[in-house]
Amino acid sequence: MPNSAEQPRRVTIDPEGPLLVEGPVEVVGDDGTVHASRRFAVAICTCRRSRTYPWCDTSHRRRVKPDGGRTRTAGQQETEASS
């Protein structure tokens, strides 16, 4: 799927999450396997924890932060706030 100079792809970098890419896209793996998505935007895994790699399944949210704290999901934050 060639890119067009008139319609460049937008890639958004999230330092604690996936790369967000405006689609449709094709991702070529290191073994040459081509994964295609026709969606308007896709999340590409950068942590390699995803069960649906190369697509992100939010597995990065379970990762321990460098300061020793755990990354909390939105549901956990709401529960803690109401306690």
Protein backbone atom coordinates (compact mmCIF):
# COMPACT_ATOMS: atom_id res chain seq x y z
CA MET A 1 0.00 0.00 0.00
CA PRO A 2 2.01 2.99 -1.19
CA ASN A 3 1.81 6.32 0.60
CA SER A 4 0.75 9.41 -1.28
CA ALA A 5 2.72 12.65 -1.01
CA GLU A 6 -0.63 14.47 -1.10
CA GLN A 7 -2.02 12.45 1.86
CA PRO A 8 0.78 11.75 4.35
CA ARG A 9 0.03 9.40 7.25
CA ARG A 10 -0.18 10.94 10.72
CA VAL A 11 1.63 9.03 13.47
CA THR A 12 1.06 10.04 17.10
CA ILE A 13 3.61 8.91 19.68
CA ASP A 14 2.39 8.08 23.19
CA PRO A 15 5.38 7.56 25.51
CA GLU A 16 3.38 5.19 27.74
CA GLY A 17 1.40 3.45 25.04
CA PRO A 18 1.15 2.50 21.39
CA LEU A 19 1.87 4.39 18.20
CA LEU A 20 -1.40 5.72 16.82
CA VAL A 21 -1.43 5.70 13.02
CA GLU A 22 -4.10 7.07 10.73
CA GLY A 23 -5.16 4.23 8.46
CA PRO A 24 -5.59 2.26 6.42
CA VAL A 25 -2.16 0.76 7.06
CA GLU A 26 0.01 -2.24 6.37
CA VAL A 27 2.60 -3.29 8.94
CA VAL A 28 5.48 -5.48 7.79
CA GLY A 29 6.91 -7.65 10.58
CA ASP A 30 10.57 -8.49 11.03
CA ASP A 31 9.86 -11.90 9.43
CA GLY A 32 8.25 -10.26 6.38
CA THR A 33 4.66 -11.02 7.40
CA VAL A 34 2.26 -8.29 6.29
CA HIS A 35 -0.56 -7.28 8.65
CA ALA A 36 -3.21 -5.02 7.12
CA SER A 37 -5.89 -2.85 8.70
CA ARG A 38 -8.46 -0.82 6.78
CA ARG A 39 -9.61 1.08 9.90
CA PHE A 40 -9.42 4.89 10.00
CA ALA A 41 -6.85 4.67 12.82
CA VAL A 42 -4.87 1.85 14.42
CA ALA A 43 -2.81 1.43 17.59
CA ILE A 44 0.50 -0.31 16.96
CA CYS A 45 2.07 -2.06 19.95
CA THR A 46 5.52 -0.84 21.00
CA CYS A 47 5.94 -2.91 24.19
CA ARG A 48 5.52 -6.35 22.54
CA ARG A 49 3.17 -7.52 25.34
CA SER A 50 0.11 -7.57 23.09
CA ARG A 51 -1.55 -10.90 22.34
CA THR A 52 -2.66 -9.39 19.02
CA TYR A 53 0.79 -8.04 18.05
CA PRO A 54 1.45 -5.87 16.04
CA TRP A 55 -1.87 -4.34 17.12
CA CYS A 56 -2.13 -2.96 20.66
CA ASP A 57 -4.53 -4.70 23.07
CA THR A 58 -3.65 -2.37 26.02
CA SER A 59 -1.40 -4.96 27.70
CA HIS A 60 1.08 -2.12 28.38
CA ARG A 61 -1.28 -0.86 31.10
CA ARG A 62 -0.23 -3.75 33.37
CA ARG A 63 3.42 -2.68 33.24
CA VAL A 64 5.18 -1.50 36.43
CA LYS A 65 6.40 2.10 36.27
CA PRO A 66 10.13 2.81 36.88
CA ASP A 67 9.33 4.46 40.25
CA GLY A 68 7.88 1.14 41.48
CA GLY A 69 4.25 2.28 41.26
CA ARG A 70 1.68 0.46 39.16
CA THR A 71 -0.05 2.05 36.22
CA ARG A 72 -3.74 2.45 37.13
CA THR A 73 -6.64 2.09 34.74
CA ALA A 74 -9.47 4.65 34.66
CA GLY A 75 -11.76 2.26 36.58
CA GLN A 76 -9.22 1.89 39.38
CA GLN A 77 -8.83 5.66 39.66
CA GLU A 78 -12.61 6.17 39.98
CA THR A 79 -12.84 3.46 42.66
CA GLU A 80 -9.96 4.96 44.67
CA ALA A 81 -11.42 8.48 44.37
CA SER A 82 -14.78 7.37 45.77
CA SER A 83 -13.18 5.55 48.76
